[in-house]
Amino acid sequence: MVYQHHERLDGSGYPQGLIGQAILPEARVLAIADVVEAMSLERPYRPALGIDTALEEIKTGRGMLYDANAVDACLRIFTEKGFTLG
């Protein structure tokens, strides 16, 4: 899972350039969590981009870069359940 969490459904990810179903389902979920956390919170090399930007990124990539079911679940957690980071 950890090894594959930077893979993207369209094959544009790394380290192996896996496509679609070749990516473990758990890695697809972890990918969403990683993107949202990485974009939402401050990094040593840049300020936080914010949760709205992160959620827009996964919405835009839904079904192309990111697993549609994982994106939908993440969006529900933040928008319907009121989950926050930090």
Protein backbone atom coordinates (compact mmCIF):
# COMPACT_ATOMS: atom_id res chain seq x y z
CA MET A 1 0.00 0.00 0.00
CA VAL A 2 2.65 2.48 1.02
CA TYR A 3 4.79 1.63 -2.00
CA GLN A 4 1.85 2.30 -4.34
CA HIS A 5 0.26 5.37 -2.74
CA HIS A 6 1.82 7.74 -5.28
CA GLU A 7 0.47 5.75 -8.21
CA ARG A 8 -2.39 7.33 -10.19
CA LEU A 9 -5.19 5.56 -12.05
CA ASP A 10 -4.05 6.94 -15.42
CA GLY A 11 -0.50 5.61 -14.99
CA SER A 12 1.04 9.03 -14.34
CA GLY A 13 2.13 8.19 -10.80
CA TYR A 14 5.25 6.58 -9.46
CA PRO A 15 7.28 4.50 -8.75
CA GLN A 16 5.95 1.89 -11.21
CA GLY A 17 3.44 3.81 -13.34
CA LEU A 18 0.67 1.36 -12.45
CA ILE A 19 -2.73 1.82 -14.10
CA GLY A 20 -6.24 1.36 -12.72
CA GLN A 21 -6.95 -1.99 -11.10
CA ALA A 22 -3.23 -2.78 -10.82
CA ILE A 23 -3.16 -0.35 -7.87
CA LEU A 24 -4.23 -1.94 -4.59
CA PRO A 25 -7.58 -0.61 -3.30
CA GLU A 26 -5.94 0.28 0.00
CA ALA A 27 -3.26 2.28 -1.83
CA ARG A 28 -5.99 4.23 -3.65
CA VAL A 29 -7.52 5.23 -0.30
CA LEU A 30 -4.11 6.11 1.12
CA ALA A 31 -3.41 8.24 -1.97
CA ILE A 32 -6.47 10.37 -1.26
CA ALA A 33 -5.55 10.78 2.40
CA ASP A 34 -1.99 11.72 1.43
CA VAL A 35 -3.06 14.34 -1.12
CA VAL A 36 -5.60 15.95 1.21
CA GLU A 37 -3.22 16.02 4.18
CA ALA A 38 -0.23 17.21 2.15
CA MET A 39 -2.10 20.06 0.49
CA SER A 40 -4.10 21.14 3.53
CA LEU A 41 -1.28 21.51 6.02
CA GLU A 42 1.83 23.65 6.06
CA ARG A 43 5.08 22.20 4.77
CA PRO A 44 8.61 23.44 5.52
CA TYR A 45 8.89 24.55 1.88
CA ARG A 46 5.44 26.23 1.49
CA PRO A 47 2.44 27.47 3.43
CA ALA A 48 -0.72 25.39 3.69
CA LEU A 49 -2.89 25.47 0.59
CA GLY A 50 -6.02 24.74 2.62
CA ILE A 51 -8.67 22.08 2.76
CA ASP A 52 -10.81 23.67 0.04
CA THR A 53 -7.92 23.51 -2.44
CA ALA A 54 -7.17 19.91 -1.46
CA LEU A 55 -10.79 18.80 -1.85
CA GLU A 56 -11.01 20.57 -5.21
CA GLU A 57 -7.88 18.68 -6.35
CA ILE A 58 -9.38 15.30 -5.57
CA LYS A 59 -12.72 16.32 -7.14
CA THR A 60 -10.94 17.38 -10.32
CA GLY A 61 -8.95 14.14 -10.49
CA ARG A 62 -11.88 11.90 -9.53
CA GLY A 63 -11.97 8.84 -11.76
CA MET A 64 -8.91 9.95 -13.77
CA LEU A 65 -6.15 10.19 -11.17
CA TYR A 66 -7.93 9.11 -8.01
CA ASP A 67 -10.35 6.30 -7.27
CA ALA A 68 -13.90 7.65 -7.57
CA ASN A 69 -15.24 5.73 -4.56
CA ALA A 70 -12.35 6.88 -2.37
CA VAL A 71 -12.86 10.48 -3.46
CA ASP A 72 -16.59 10.30 -2.75
CA ALA A 73 -15.98 8.83 0.70
CA CYS A 74 -13.42 11.50 1.54
CA LEU A 75 -15.71 14.31 0.39
CA ARG A 76 -18.57 12.92 2.50
CA ILE A 77 -16.33 12.76 5.57
CA PHE A 78 -15.40 16.42 5.23
CA THR A 79 -18.64 17.92 3.90
CA GLU A 80 -21.35 15.82 5.55
CA LYS A 81 -19.63 14.60 8.70
CA GLY A 82 -17.73 17.82 9.44
CA PHE A 83 -14.31 16.19 9.80
CA THR A 84 -11.36 18.59 10.11
CA LEU A 85 -7.59 18.19 10.06
CA GLY A 86 -5.42 19.46 12.84
